[in-house]
Amino acid sequence: TYPLLAGINYANTLFNLVFFISASSVLLQGTTLPYMARWLRISVPEKLKRRFPIDMELKEDIHGVLLELDLPKASSAVGKPVVQLHLPKTALIVLIHRDGKYLSPNGDTVLEPDDHLMLMLDSKEDIEKVQNMFDVKRSKA
């Protein structure tokens, strides 16, 4: 833009050339970056990626645990409202991902098979209790 402002000959051509090179470079690098990361084996494996697209920064003095789990079809919690689950007092279901939508549950919310739950727990000791309640063997914390 400086040559354009200064009124230099061919400044418009120079601006267009620099713009084209910059845009092409960004497009080329941006589209090939994920492939190169996989090829170099430096990308995050799919099973470790978070499914909830939420960026959260918790204060350092909060000692809670954020737990994600998939509700199996055979779980005893399927078909029950949240209030009937009798979760530990230190556990709270904060978000449910169901059919491509995010739900903020209340006590009347009925859990369905393949629901993806996000729970907030006060301590790591409660993780196993909650997993057993939902009949889940493996989850992310």
C-alpha atoms as a PDB file:
ATOM      1  CA  THR A   1       0.000   0.000   0.000  1.00  0.00           C
ATOM      2  CA  TYR A   2       2.951   2.372   0.528  1.00  0.00           C
ATOM      3  CA  PRO A   3       3.866   2.457  -3.188  1.00  0.00           C
ATOM      4  CA  LEU A   4       0.198   3.133  -3.985  1.00  0.00           C
ATOM      5  CA  LEU A   5       0.113   6.038  -1.538  1.00  0.00           C
ATOM      6  CA  ALA A   6       3.387   7.410  -2.871  1.00  0.00           C
ATOM      7  CA  GLY A   7       2.086   7.329  -6.462  1.00  0.00           C
ATOM      8  CA  ILE A   8       4.983   5.220  -7.799  1.00  0.00           C
ATOM      9  CA  ASN A   9       4.752   3.861 -11.360  1.00  0.00           C
ATOM     10  CA  TYR A  10       3.334   0.315 -11.555  1.00  0.00           C
ATOM     11  CA  ALA A  11       2.343   0.456  -7.875  1.00  0.00           C
ATOM     12  CA  ASN A  12      -1.008  -1.132  -8.690  1.00  0.00           C
ATOM     13  CA  THR A  13       0.724  -4.077 -10.411  1.00  0.00           C
ATOM     14  CA  LEU A  14       3.152  -4.428  -7.518  1.00  0.00           C
ATOM     15  CA  PHE A  15       0.267  -4.441  -5.014  1.00  0.00           C
ATOM     16  CA  ASN A  16      -1.621  -7.105  -6.994  1.00  0.00           C
ATOM     17  CA  LEU A  17       1.517  -9.266  -7.287  1.00  0.00           C
ATOM     18  CA  VAL A  18       2.279  -9.105  -3.543  1.00  0.00           C
ATOM     19  CA  PHE A  19      -1.379  -9.796  -2.695  1.00  0.00           C
ATOM     20  CA  PHE A  20      -1.487 -12.838  -5.023  1.00  0.00           C
ATOM     21  CA  ILE A  21       1.773 -14.282  -3.632  1.00  0.00           C
ATOM     22  CA  SER A  22       0.625 -13.778  -0.025  1.00  0.00           C
ATOM     23  CA  ALA A  23      -2.830 -15.277  -0.594  1.00  0.00           C
ATOM     24  CA  SER A  24      -1.398 -18.251  -2.526  1.00  0.00           C
ATOM     25  CA  SER A  25       1.169 -18.911   0.188  1.00  0.00           C
ATOM     26  CA  VAL A  26      -1.456 -18.878   2.947  1.00  0.00           C
ATOM     27  CA  LEU A  27      -3.814 -21.154   0.994  1.00  0.00           C
ATOM     28  CA  LEU A  28      -1.069 -23.627   0.080  1.00  0.00           C
ATOM     29  CA  GLN A  29       0.392 -23.817   3.590  1.00  0.00           C
ATOM     30  CA  GLY A  30      -2.985 -23.848   5.318  1.00  0.00           C
ATOM     31  CA  THR A  31      -4.356 -26.730   3.271  1.00  0.00           C
ATOM     32  CA  THR A  32      -1.214 -28.891   3.407  1.00  0.00           C
ATOM     33  CA  LEU A  33      -0.417 -28.386   7.104  1.00  0.00           C
ATOM     34  CA  PRO A  34      -2.667 -31.200   8.493  1.00  0.00           C
ATOM     35  CA  TYR A  35      -1.327 -33.668   5.914  1.00  0.00           C
ATOM     36  CA  MET A  36       2.276 -32.773   6.692  1.00  0.00           C
ATOM     37  CA  ALA A  37       1.634 -33.095  10.432  1.00  0.00           C
ATOM     38  CA  ARG A  38       0.244 -36.613   9.941  1.00  0.00           C
ATOM     39  CA  TRP A  39       3.115 -37.531   7.628  1.00  0.00           C
ATOM     40  CA  LEU A  40       5.653 -36.318  10.203  1.00  0.00           C
ATOM     41  CA  ARG A  41       3.635 -38.066  12.961  1.00  0.00           C
ATOM     42  CA  ILE A  42       3.280 -34.912  15.050  1.00  0.00           C
ATOM     43  CA  SER A  43      -0.508 -34.509  14.908  1.00  0.00           C
ATOM     44  CA  VAL A  44      -2.825 -35.309  17.815  1.00  0.00           C
ATOM     45  CA  PRO A  45      -4.385 -38.786  17.389  1.00  0.00           C
ATOM     46  CA  GLU A  46      -8.154 -38.755  16.731  1.00  0.00           C
ATOM     47  CA  LYS A  47      -8.956 -40.688  19.922  1.00  0.00           C
ATOM     48  CA  LEU A  48      -7.288 -37.972  22.045  1.00  0.00           C
ATOM     49  CA  LYS A  49      -9.074 -35.028  20.428  1.00  0.00           C
ATOM     50  CA  ARG A  50     -11.898 -33.480  22.432  1.00  0.00           C
ATOM     51  CA  ARG A  51     -15.315 -33.894  20.893  1.00  0.00           C
ATOM     52  CA  PHE A  52     -16.774 -30.811  22.497  1.00  0.00           C
ATOM     53  CA  PRO A  53     -15.463 -27.759  20.664  1.00  0.00           C
ATOM     54  CA  ILE A  54     -15.158 -25.767  23.846  1.00  0.00           C
ATOM     55  CA  ASP A  55     -12.127 -23.793  24.868  1.00  0.00           C
ATOM     56  CA  MET A  56     -12.166 -23.348  28.615  1.00  0.00           C
ATOM     57  CA  GLU A  57      -9.646 -21.838  30.905  1.00  0.00           C
ATOM     58  CA  LEU A  58     -10.299 -22.649  34.548  1.00  0.00           C
ATOM     59  CA  LYS A  59      -8.851 -20.668  37.404  1.00  0.00           C
ATOM     60  CA  GLU A  60      -5.874 -22.265  39.102  1.00  0.00           C
ATOM     61  CA  ASP A  61      -7.615 -22.529  42.477  1.00  0.00           C
ATOM     62  CA  ILE A  62     -10.407 -24.716  41.042  1.00  0.00           C
ATOM     63  CA  HIS A  63      -9.675 -28.363  41.703  1.00  0.00           C
ATOM     64  CA  GLY A  64     -12.445 -29.890  39.615  1.00  0.00           C
ATOM     65  CA  VAL A  65     -12.284 -32.535  36.923  1.00  0.00           C
ATOM     66  CA  LEU A  66     -13.971 -32.310  33.533  1.00  0.00           C
ATOM     67  CA  LEU A  67     -15.040 -35.791  32.407  1.00  0.00           C
ATOM     68  CA  GLU A  68     -16.332 -36.765  28.961  1.00  0.00           C
ATOM     69  CA  LEU A  69     -18.008 -40.100  28.339  1.00  0.00           C
ATOM     70  CA  ASP A  70     -20.196 -41.850  25.804  1.00  0.00           C
ATOM     71  CA  LEU A  71     -23.292 -43.485  27.209  1.00  0.00           C
ATOM     72  CA  PRO A  72     -23.390 -47.125  26.026  1.00  0.00           C
ATOM     73  CA  LYS A  73     -26.654 -48.523  24.644  1.00  0.00           C
ATOM     74  CA  ALA A  74     -26.666 -51.178  27.371  1.00  0.00           C
ATOM     75  CA  SER A  75     -26.157 -48.675  30.209  1.00  0.00           C
ATOM     76  CA  SER A  76     -28.613 -48.830  33.087  1.00  0.00           C
ATOM     77  CA  ALA A  77     -28.854 -45.012  32.883  1.00  0.00           C
ATOM     78  CA  VAL A  78     -30.472 -45.088  29.431  1.00  0.00           C
ATOM     79  CA  GLY A  79     -34.108 -44.020  29.547  1.00  0.00           C
ATOM     80  CA  LYS A  80     -33.831 -42.483  33.017  1.00  0.00           C
ATOM     81  CA  PRO A  81     -34.196 -38.806  33.864  1.00  0.00           C
ATOM     82  CA  VAL A  82     -31.073 -37.215  35.334  1.00  0.00           C
ATOM     83  CA  VAL A  83     -32.770 -36.768  38.723  1.00  0.00           C
ATOM     84  CA  GLN A  84     -33.210 -40.560  39.067  1.00  0.00           C
ATOM     85  CA  LEU A  85     -29.511 -41.296  38.481  1.00  0.00           C
ATOM     86  CA  HIS A  86     -28.542 -40.364  42.042  1.00  0.00           C
ATOM     87  CA  LEU A  87     -25.188 -38.963  40.981  1.00  0.00           C
ATOM     88  CA  PRO A  88     -22.732 -38.103  43.756  1.00  0.00           C
ATOM     89  CA  LYS A  89     -23.330 -34.611  45.134  1.00  0.00           C
ATOM     90  CA  THR A  90     -19.933 -33.625  43.728  1.00  0.00           C
ATOM     91  CA  ALA A  91     -20.899 -34.583  40.132  1.00  0.00           C
ATOM     92  CA  LEU A  92     -22.898 -32.485  37.682  1.00  0.00           C
ATOM     93  CA  ILE A  93     -23.816 -33.182  34.051  1.00  0.00           C
ATOM     94  CA  VAL A  94     -23.105 -29.838  32.412  1.00  0.00           C
ATOM     95  CA  LEU A  95     -23.634 -30.667  28.732  1.00  0.00           C
ATOM     96  CA  ILE A  96     -25.065 -33.425  26.537  1.00  0.00           C
ATOM     97  CA  HIS A  97     -24.217 -33.830  22.855  1.00  0.00           C
ATOM     98  CA  ARG A  98     -27.093 -35.623  21.110  1.00  0.00           C
ATOM     99  CA  ASP A  99     -27.937 -35.839  17.404  1.00  0.00           C
ATOM    100  CA  GLY A 100     -25.557 -33.001  16.519  1.00  0.00           C
ATOM    101  CA  LYS A 101     -27.056 -30.650  19.120  1.00  0.00           C
ATOM    102  CA  TYR A 102     -25.860 -29.552  22.541  1.00  0.00           C
ATOM    103  CA  LEU A 103     -28.296 -29.736  25.440  1.00  0.00           C
ATOM    104  CA  SER A 104     -28.000 -28.192  28.857  1.00  0.00           C
ATOM    105  CA  PRO A 105     -29.660 -30.863  30.984  1.00  0.00           C
ATOM    106  CA  ASN A 106     -31.985 -30.427  33.944  1.00  0.00           C
ATOM    107  CA  GLY A 107     -33.489 -33.024  36.273  1.00  0.00           C
ATOM    108  CA  ASP A 108     -36.196 -34.000  33.761  1.00  0.00           C
ATOM    109  CA  THR A 109     -33.765 -34.647  30.885  1.00  0.00           C
ATOM    110  CA  VAL A 110     -33.971 -38.315  29.866  1.00  0.00           C
ATOM    111  CA  LEU A 111     -30.676 -39.897  28.816  1.00  0.00           C
ATOM    112  CA  GLU A 112     -30.593 -41.699  25.481  1.00  0.00           C
ATOM    113  CA  PRO A 113     -28.226 -44.303  24.028  1.00  0.00           C
ATOM    114  CA  ASP A 114     -25.034 -42.859  22.501  1.00  0.00           C
ATOM    115  CA  ASP A 115     -25.391 -39.538  24.347  1.00  0.00           C
ATOM    116  CA  HIS A 116     -22.009 -37.878  24.802  1.00  0.00           C
ATOM    117  CA  LEU A 117     -21.894 -36.403  28.302  1.00  0.00           C
ATOM    118  CA  MET A 118     -19.658 -33.770  29.816  1.00  0.00           C
ATOM    119  CA  LEU A 119     -19.563 -33.902  33.602  1.00  0.00           C
ATOM    120  CA  MET A 120     -17.906 -31.677  36.168  1.00  0.00           C
ATOM    121  CA  LEU A 121     -16.613 -33.483  39.239  1.00  0.00           C
ATOM    122  CA  ASP A 122     -15.082 -32.051  42.382  1.00  0.00           C
ATOM    123  CA  SER A 123     -12.371 -34.690  42.652  1.00  0.00           C
ATOM    124  CA  LYS A 124     -10.640 -37.447  40.699  1.00  0.00           C
ATOM    125  CA  GLU A 125     -11.830 -39.979  43.271  1.00  0.00           C
ATOM    126  CA  ASP A 126     -15.389 -39.640  41.908  1.00  0.00           C
ATOM    127  CA  ILE A 127     -14.418 -40.581  38.334  1.00  0.00           C
ATOM    128  CA  GLU A 128     -14.622 -44.323  38.926  1.00  0.00           C
ATOM    129  CA  LYS A 129     -17.951 -43.999  40.782  1.00  0.00           C
ATOM    130  CA  VAL A 130     -19.486 -42.054  37.916  1.00  0.00           C
ATOM    131  CA  GLN A 131     -18.097 -44.430  35.283  1.00  0.00           C
ATOM    132  CA  ASN A 132     -19.595 -47.367  37.161  1.00  0.00           C
ATOM    133  CA  MET A 133     -22.969 -45.593  37.387  1.00  0.00           C
ATOM    134  CA  PHE A 134     -23.026 -45.170  33.604  1.00  0.00           C
ATOM    135  CA  ASP A 135     -21.518 -48.625  32.932  1.00  0.00           C
ATOM    136  CA  VAL A 136     -18.567 -47.020  31.168  1.00  0.00           C
ATOM    137  CA  LYS A 137     -15.136 -48.625  31.194  1.00  0.00           C
ATOM    138  CA  ARG A 138     -13.095 -46.015  29.326  1.00  0.00           C
ATOM    139  CA  SER A 139     -13.424 -42.230  29.216  1.00  0.00           C
ATOM    140  CA  LYS A 140     -11.498 -38.974  28.936  1.00  0.00           C
ATOM    141  CA  ALA A 141     -10.652 -36.774  31.884  1.00  0.00           C
END
